[in-house]
Amino acid sequence: MEFARNLRYLRHLNHISQNELADHLGYKSFTTVQKWEDGSAVPPYKTILRLAEYFQVEVEDFMHSDLSTAMKSEIPILGIVRGGEPLEAQQQYIGFEHVYPDDARHSDCFYLQVVGDSMKDARILPGDLLYVHRQDYLDNGDIGVVLLDNQDATVKQVFYRDGCMILQPANEAYSPIVLNKEDMQSRNVRIIGKVLHNRIKFA
């Protein structure tokens, strides 16, 4: 069973301490995670399911595959995107992130780093990395990255209603951005891509 080695590998890969992981799972001490990683204990199956969901891996792979050898592909991190009011798009490379084979099969993808908290109820928080598939359309209800005025990039859930595009935040402290046909033309609205998932980052 590869669980202990994979847990240690994924935790280091995501820059998460044993204390942070234990706290996230509701344990009072890091020693529980420490025991899982040294192989002296195994968590309940429900906790394994939570861990697999948390690290976005399949349970079967988590338990029986060596994930450190499976993660070969690197995806660039391109600038930052605001989860709040639109932020001027920055075309710069911040670095690279490794991705799993299931993610690597999506062509033309990249990461964007999030600032702002307008999507917090969708669990998209400042510092997270959005895995974005580059495309120029979004279906109703998709979460995507939209460029406004040729320079302001924002991440929102997109809806279409009565001829309008609605950029809906997932935080009641923010108001939706409603764009009618004239607004979309005058503001040069352009869809950058669809968010496939986000990689959680801790401070």
C-alpha atoms as a PDB file:
ATOM      1  CA  MET A   1       0.000   0.000   0.000  1.00  0.00           C
ATOM      2  CA  GLU A   2       1.365   3.398  -1.071  1.00  0.00           C
ATOM      3  CA  PHE A   3      -0.866   5.552   1.130  1.00  0.00           C
ATOM      4  CA  ALA A   4       1.755   6.745   3.628  1.00  0.00           C
ATOM      5  CA  ARG A   5       4.290   7.707   0.960  1.00  0.00           C
ATOM      6  CA  ASN A   6       1.646   9.397  -1.193  1.00  0.00           C
ATOM      7  CA  LEU A   7       0.250  11.392   1.712  1.00  0.00           C
ATOM      8  CA  ARG A   8       3.690  12.719   2.586  1.00  0.00           C
ATOM      9  CA  TYR A   9       4.421  13.473  -1.071  1.00  0.00           C
ATOM     10  CA  LEU A  10       1.137  15.315  -1.691  1.00  0.00           C
ATOM     11  CA  ARG A  11       1.433  17.301   1.505  1.00  0.00           C
ATOM     12  CA  HIS A  12       4.931  18.514   0.593  1.00  0.00           C
ATOM     13  CA  LEU A  13       3.900  19.154  -3.005  1.00  0.00           C
ATOM     14  CA  ASN A  14       1.098  21.441  -1.844  1.00  0.00           C
ATOM     15  CA  HIS A  15       3.235  23.153   0.830  1.00  0.00           C
ATOM     16  CA  ILE A  16       0.954  22.060   3.672  1.00  0.00           C
ATOM     17  CA  SER A  17       2.265  21.329   7.154  1.00  0.00           C
ATOM     18  CA  GLN A  18       1.136  18.362   9.233  1.00  0.00           C
ATOM     19  CA  ASN A  19      -0.495  20.814  11.630  1.00  0.00           C
ATOM     20  CA  GLU A  20      -2.466  22.485   8.826  1.00  0.00           C
ATOM     21  CA  LEU A  21      -3.682  19.177   7.458  1.00  0.00           C
ATOM     22  CA  ALA A  22      -4.674  17.896  10.899  1.00  0.00           C
ATOM     23  CA  ASP A  23      -6.560  21.121  11.590  1.00  0.00           C
ATOM     24  CA  HIS A  24      -8.384  20.886   8.257  1.00  0.00           C
ATOM     25  CA  LEU A  25      -9.526  17.355   9.093  1.00  0.00           C
ATOM     26  CA  GLY A  26     -10.602  18.283  12.616  1.00  0.00           C
ATOM     27  CA  TYR A  27      -7.778  16.581  14.517  1.00  0.00           C
ATOM     28  CA  LYS A  28      -6.263  18.345  17.513  1.00  0.00           C
ATOM     29  CA  SER A  29      -2.658  17.314  16.910  1.00  0.00           C
ATOM     30  CA  PHE A  30      -0.288  16.844  13.988  1.00  0.00           C
ATOM     31  CA  THR A  31       0.819  13.526  15.492  1.00  0.00           C
ATOM     32  CA  THR A  32      -2.159  11.772  13.889  1.00  0.00           C
ATOM     33  CA  VAL A  33      -0.947  12.823  10.427  1.00  0.00           C
ATOM     34  CA  GLN A  34       2.598  11.941  11.439  1.00  0.00           C
ATOM     35  CA  LYS A  35       1.522   8.372  12.252  1.00  0.00           C
ATOM     36  CA  TRP A  36      -0.261   8.052   8.901  1.00  0.00           C
ATOM     37  CA  GLU A  37       2.891   9.165   7.110  1.00  0.00           C
ATOM     38  CA  ASP A  38       5.272   6.849   8.968  1.00  0.00           C
ATOM     39  CA  GLY A  39       2.920   3.922   8.377  1.00  0.00           C
ATOM     40  CA  SER A  40       2.213   3.186  12.014  1.00  0.00           C
ATOM     41  CA  ALA A  41      -1.492   4.012  11.584  1.00  0.00           C
ATOM     42  CA  VAL A  42      -4.069   4.228   8.805  1.00  0.00           C
ATOM     43  CA  PRO A  43      -7.003   6.672   8.867  1.00  0.00           C
ATOM     44  CA  PRO A  44     -10.618   5.507   8.641  1.00  0.00           C
ATOM     45  CA  TYR A  45     -11.912   5.005   5.124  1.00  0.00           C
ATOM     46  CA  LYS A  46     -14.108   8.112   5.368  1.00  0.00           C
ATOM     47  CA  THR A  47     -11.010  10.157   6.110  1.00  0.00           C
ATOM     48  CA  ILE A  48      -9.167   8.580   3.181  1.00  0.00           C
ATOM     49  CA  LEU A  49     -12.062   9.684   0.957  1.00  0.00           C
ATOM     50  CA  ARG A  50     -11.769  13.217   2.343  1.00  0.00           C
ATOM     51  CA  LEU A  51      -8.034  13.253   1.746  1.00  0.00           C
ATOM     52  CA  ALA A  52      -8.435  11.993  -1.817  1.00  0.00           C
ATOM     53  CA  GLU A  53     -10.992  14.721  -2.525  1.00  0.00           C
ATOM     54  CA  TYR A  54      -8.816  17.324  -0.815  1.00  0.00           C
ATOM     55  CA  PHE A  55      -5.761  16.497  -2.910  1.00  0.00           C
ATOM     56  CA  GLN A  56      -7.877  15.807  -6.015  1.00  0.00           C
ATOM     57  CA  VAL A  57      -6.662  12.260  -6.610  1.00  0.00           C
ATOM     58  CA  GLU A  58      -8.464   8.970  -7.126  1.00  0.00           C
ATOM     59  CA  VAL A  59      -8.732   6.800  -4.001  1.00  0.00           C
ATOM     60  CA  GLU A  60      -7.340   3.783  -5.880  1.00  0.00           C
ATOM     61  CA  ASP A  61      -4.285   5.763  -6.986  1.00  0.00           C
ATOM     62  CA  PHE A  62      -3.877   7.236  -3.497  1.00  0.00           C
ATOM     63  CA  MET A  63      -3.781   3.770  -1.956  1.00  0.00           C
ATOM     64  CA  HIS A  64      -1.905   1.730  -4.545  1.00  0.00           C
ATOM     65  CA  SER A  65       0.035   3.916  -7.035  1.00  0.00           C
ATOM     66  CA  ASP A  66       3.280   5.815  -6.570  1.00  0.00           C
ATOM     67  CA  LEU A  67       2.035   9.329  -7.281  1.00  0.00           C
ATOM     68  CA  SER A  68       5.520  10.796  -7.163  1.00  0.00           C
ATOM     69  CA  THR A  69       6.358   9.027 -10.431  1.00  0.00           C
ATOM     70  CA  ALA A  70       2.949   9.637 -12.028  1.00  0.00           C
ATOM     71  CA  MET A  71       3.181  13.418 -11.848  1.00  0.00           C
ATOM     72  CA  LYS A  72       5.477  14.314 -14.735  1.00  0.00           C
ATOM     73  CA  SER A  73       3.845  17.175 -16.644  1.00  0.00           C
ATOM     74  CA  GLU A  74       4.490  20.810 -15.778  1.00  0.00           C
ATOM     75  CA  ILE A  75       1.947  23.577 -16.428  1.00  0.00           C
ATOM     76  CA  PRO A  76       2.889  27.282 -16.385  1.00  0.00           C
ATOM     77  CA  ILE A  77       1.422  29.730 -13.895  1.00  0.00           C
ATOM     78  CA  LEU A  78       0.470  32.843 -15.874  1.00  0.00           C
ATOM     79  CA  GLY A  79       0.072  35.971 -13.799  1.00  0.00           C
ATOM     80  CA  ILE A  80      -2.849  36.528 -11.453  1.00  0.00           C
ATOM     81  CA  VAL A  81      -6.620  36.880 -11.687  1.00  0.00           C
ATOM     82  CA  ARG A  82      -8.928  38.635  -9.278  1.00  0.00           C
ATOM     83  CA  GLY A  83     -11.695  36.835  -7.458  1.00  0.00           C
ATOM     84  CA  GLY A  84     -13.337  40.189  -6.760  1.00  0.00           C
ATOM     85  CA  GLU A  85     -13.465  43.421  -8.696  1.00  0.00           C
ATOM     86  CA  PRO A  86     -11.703  43.110 -12.056  1.00  0.00           C
ATOM     87  CA  LEU A  87      -7.937  43.376 -11.893  1.00  0.00           C
ATOM     88  CA  GLU A  88      -5.633  44.452 -14.673  1.00  0.00           C
ATOM     89  CA  ALA A  89      -4.422  41.298 -16.373  1.00  0.00           C
ATOM     90  CA  GLN A  90      -0.726  40.608 -15.922  1.00  0.00           C
ATOM     91  CA  GLN A  91       1.063  38.637 -18.604  1.00  0.00           C
ATOM     92  CA  GLN A  92       3.909  37.122 -16.662  1.00  0.00           C
ATOM     93  CA  TYR A  93       5.208  33.710 -15.682  1.00  0.00           C
ATOM     94  CA  ILE A  94       5.179  33.099 -11.955  1.00  0.00           C
ATOM     95  CA  GLY A  95       6.449  29.533 -12.182  1.00  0.00           C
ATOM     96  CA  PHE A  96       5.270  26.025 -12.922  1.00  0.00           C
ATOM     97  CA  GLU A  97       3.131  23.386 -11.212  1.00  0.00           C
ATOM     98  CA  HIS A  98       3.150  19.629 -11.711  1.00  0.00           C
ATOM     99  CA  VAL A  99      -0.124  18.055 -12.793  1.00  0.00           C
ATOM    100  CA  TYR A 100      -1.569  14.575 -12.698  1.00  0.00           C
ATOM    101  CA  PRO A 101      -1.978  12.566 -15.929  1.00  0.00           C
ATOM    102  CA  ASP A 102      -5.751  13.132 -15.880  1.00  0.00           C
ATOM    103  CA  ASP A 103      -5.137  16.888 -15.924  1.00  0.00           C
ATOM    104  CA  ALA A 104      -2.323  16.690 -18.453  1.00  0.00           C
ATOM    105  CA  ARG A 105      -4.671  15.135 -21.006  1.00  0.00           C
ATOM    106  CA  HIS A 106      -6.432  18.510 -21.310  1.00  0.00           C
ATOM    107  CA  SER A 107      -4.568  20.432 -23.995  1.00  0.00           C
ATOM    108  CA  ASP A 108      -3.862  24.174 -23.810  1.00  0.00           C
ATOM    109  CA  CYS A 109      -4.262  24.654 -20.058  1.00  0.00           C
ATOM    110  CA  PHE A 110      -2.538  26.958 -17.616  1.00  0.00           C
ATOM    111  CA  TYR A 111      -2.714  28.072 -13.998  1.00  0.00           C
ATOM    112  CA  LEU A 112      -3.728  31.490 -12.747  1.00  0.00           C
ATOM    113  CA  GLN A 113      -3.126  32.640  -9.188  1.00  0.00           C
ATOM    114  CA  VAL A 114      -6.115  34.134  -7.361  1.00  0.00           C
ATOM    115  CA  VAL A 115      -6.316  37.363  -5.370  1.00  0.00           C
ATOM    116  CA  GLY A 116      -9.553  38.617  -3.821  1.00  0.00           C
ATOM    117  CA  ASP A 117     -12.379  36.728  -2.146  1.00  0.00           C
ATOM    118  CA  SER A 118     -15.497  37.177  -4.299  1.00  0.00           C
ATOM    119  CA  MET A 119     -15.556  33.431  -5.070  1.00  0.00           C
ATOM    120  CA  LYS A 120     -14.923  32.249  -1.525  1.00  0.00           C
ATOM    121  CA  ASP A 121     -18.203  30.313  -1.267  1.00  0.00           C
ATOM    122  CA  ALA A 122     -17.094  28.279  -4.289  1.00  0.00           C
ATOM    123  CA  ARG A 123     -13.888  27.535  -2.328  1.00  0.00           C
ATOM    124  CA  ILE A 124     -11.754  29.792  -4.520  1.00  0.00           C
ATOM    125  CA  LEU A 125      -9.609  31.841  -2.159  1.00  0.00           C
ATOM    126  CA  PRO A 126      -6.618  34.179  -2.407  1.00  0.00           C
ATOM    127  CA  GLY A 127      -3.450  32.245  -3.223  1.00  0.00           C
ATOM    128  CA  ASP A 128      -5.253  29.328  -4.871  1.00  0.00           C
ATOM    129  CA  LEU A 129      -4.185  28.280  -8.359  1.00  0.00           C
ATOM    130  CA  LEU A 130      -6.971  27.990 -10.903  1.00  0.00           C
ATOM    131  CA  TYR A 131      -6.457  25.296 -13.536  1.00  0.00           C
ATOM    132  CA  VAL A 132      -7.885  26.935 -16.659  1.00  0.00           C
ATOM    133  CA  HIS A 133      -8.638  25.418 -20.051  1.00  0.00           C
ATOM    134  CA  ARG A 134      -8.122  28.098 -22.681  1.00  0.00           C
ATOM    135  CA  GLN A 135     -11.367  28.520 -24.661  1.00  0.00           C
ATOM    136  CA  ASP A 136     -13.517  31.367 -25.963  1.00  0.00           C
ATOM    137  CA  TYR A 137     -16.903  30.176 -24.726  1.00  0.00           C
ATOM    138  CA  LEU A 138     -18.563  29.176 -21.447  1.00  0.00           C
ATOM    139  CA  ASP A 139     -21.745  27.218 -20.900  1.00  0.00           C
ATOM    140  CA  ASN A 140     -24.416  28.520 -18.560  1.00  0.00           C
ATOM    141  CA  GLY A 141     -23.216  28.038 -14.967  1.00  0.00           C
ATOM    142  CA  ASP A 142     -19.534  27.494 -15.791  1.00  0.00           C
ATOM    143  CA  ILE A 143     -16.883  29.231 -13.693  1.00  0.00           C
ATOM    144  CA  GLY A 144     -14.525  31.031 -16.014  1.00  0.00           C
ATOM    145  CA  VAL A 145     -11.973  33.776 -16.480  1.00  0.00           C
ATOM    146  CA  VAL A 146     -13.305  36.796 -18.350  1.00  0.00           C
ATOM    147  CA  LEU A 147     -11.336  39.764 -19.705  1.00  0.00           C
ATOM    148  CA  LEU A 148     -12.973  43.204 -19.630  1.00  0.00           C
ATOM    149  CA  ASP A 149     -11.777  46.345 -21.430  1.00  0.00           C
ATOM    150  CA  ASN A 150      -8.844  44.366 -22.860  1.00  0.00           C
ATOM    151  CA  GLN A 151      -7.048  44.495 -19.517  1.00  0.00           C
ATOM    152  CA  ASP A 152      -9.217  43.596 -16.508  1.00  0.00           C
ATOM    153  CA  ALA A 153      -9.383  39.850 -15.749  1.00  0.00           C
ATOM    154  CA  THR A 154     -11.875  38.425 -13.288  1.00  0.00           C
ATOM    155  CA  VAL A 155     -13.058  34.945 -12.290  1.00  0.00           C
ATOM    156  CA  LYS A 156     -16.801  34.477 -11.894  1.00  0.00           C
ATOM    157  CA  GLN A 157     -19.612  32.008 -12.489  1.00  0.00           C
ATOM    158  CA  VAL A 158     -21.168  32.933 -15.810  1.00  0.00           C
ATOM    159  CA  PHE A 159     -24.879  32.928 -16.579  1.00  0.00           C
ATOM    160  CA  TYR A 160     -26.805  34.021 -19.657  1.00  0.00           C
ATOM    161  CA  ARG A 161     -30.219  35.585 -19.207  1.00  0.00           C
ATOM    162  CA  ASP A 162     -32.418  37.835 -21.373  1.00  0.00           C
ATOM    163  CA  GLY A 163     -29.567  38.566 -23.774  1.00  0.00           C
ATOM    164  CA  CYS A 164     -27.170  39.481 -20.984  1.00  0.00           C
ATOM    165  CA  MET A 165     -24.005  37.891 -19.650  1.00  0.00           C
ATOM    166  CA  ILE A 166     -24.009  37.851 -15.858  1.00  0.00           C
ATOM    167  CA  LEU A 167     -20.718  37.479 -13.986  1.00  0.00           C
ATOM    168  CA  GLN A 168     -21.896  36.088 -10.677  1.00  0.00           C
ATOM    169  CA  PRO A 169     -19.686  36.155  -7.560  1.00  0.00           C
ATOM    170  CA  ALA A 170     -19.890  33.468  -4.882  1.00  0.00           C
ATOM    171  CA  ASN A 171     -19.814  35.944  -2.021  1.00  0.00           C
ATOM    172  CA  GLU A 172     -22.870  37.985  -1.032  1.00  0.00           C
ATOM    173  CA  ALA A 173     -20.638  40.968  -0.251  1.00  0.00           C
ATOM    174  CA  TYR A 174     -20.136  41.459  -3.998  1.00  0.00           C
ATOM    175  CA  SER A 175     -22.668  42.381  -6.668  1.00  0.00           C
ATOM    176  CA  PRO A 176     -22.920  40.585 -10.003  1.00  0.00           C
ATOM    177  CA  ILE A 177     -21.592  42.264 -13.136  1.00  0.00           C
ATOM    178  CA  VAL A 178     -24.424  42.404 -15.695  1.00  0.00           C
ATOM    179  CA  LEU A 179     -23.367  42.973 -19.304  1.00  0.00           C
ATOM    180  CA  ASN A 180     -25.889  43.491 -22.078  1.00  0.00           C
ATOM    181  CA  LYS A 181     -25.017  43.192 -25.752  1.00  0.00           C
ATOM    182  CA  GLU A 182     -23.909  46.819 -25.995  1.00  0.00           C
ATOM    183  CA  ASP A 183     -21.769  46.485 -22.836  1.00  0.00           C
ATOM    184  CA  MET A 184     -20.088  43.370 -24.209  1.00  0.00           C
ATOM    185  CA  GLN A 185     -19.157  45.224 -27.371  1.00  0.00           C
ATOM    186  CA  SER A 186     -18.104  48.509 -25.773  1.00  0.00           C
ATOM    187  CA  ARG A 187     -16.060  46.770 -23.063  1.00  0.00           C
ATOM    188  CA  ASN A 188     -14.511  44.248 -25.451  1.00  0.00           C
ATOM    189  CA  VAL A 189     -15.594  41.351 -23.254  1.00  0.00           C
ATOM    190  CA  ARG A 190     -13.560  38.243 -23.997  1.00  0.00           C
ATOM    191  CA  ILE A 191     -13.733  34.828 -22.396  1.00  0.00           C
ATOM    192  CA  ILE A 192     -10.237  33.566 -21.572  1.00  0.00           C
ATOM    193  CA  GLY A 193     -11.087  30.077 -20.399  1.00  0.00           C
ATOM    194  CA  LYS A 194     -13.023  27.689 -18.198  1.00  0.00           C
ATOM    195  CA  VAL A 195     -11.881  26.852 -14.668  1.00  0.00           C
ATOM    196  CA  LEU A 196     -11.500  23.072 -14.379  1.00  0.00           C
ATOM    197  CA  HIS A 197     -10.470  23.063 -10.721  1.00  0.00           C
ATOM    198  CA  ASN A 198      -8.395  24.985  -8.232  1.00  0.00           C
ATOM    199  CA  ARG A 199      -5.349  23.929  -6.293  1.00  0.00           C
ATOM    200  CA  ILE A 200      -5.613  25.055  -2.676  1.00  0.00           C
ATOM    201  CA  LYS A 201      -2.764  27.093  -1.267  1.00  0.00           C
ATOM    202  CA  PHE A 202      -2.139  27.882   2.381  1.00  0.00           C
ATOM    203  CA  ALA A 203      -0.454  30.992   3.716  1.00  0.00           C
END
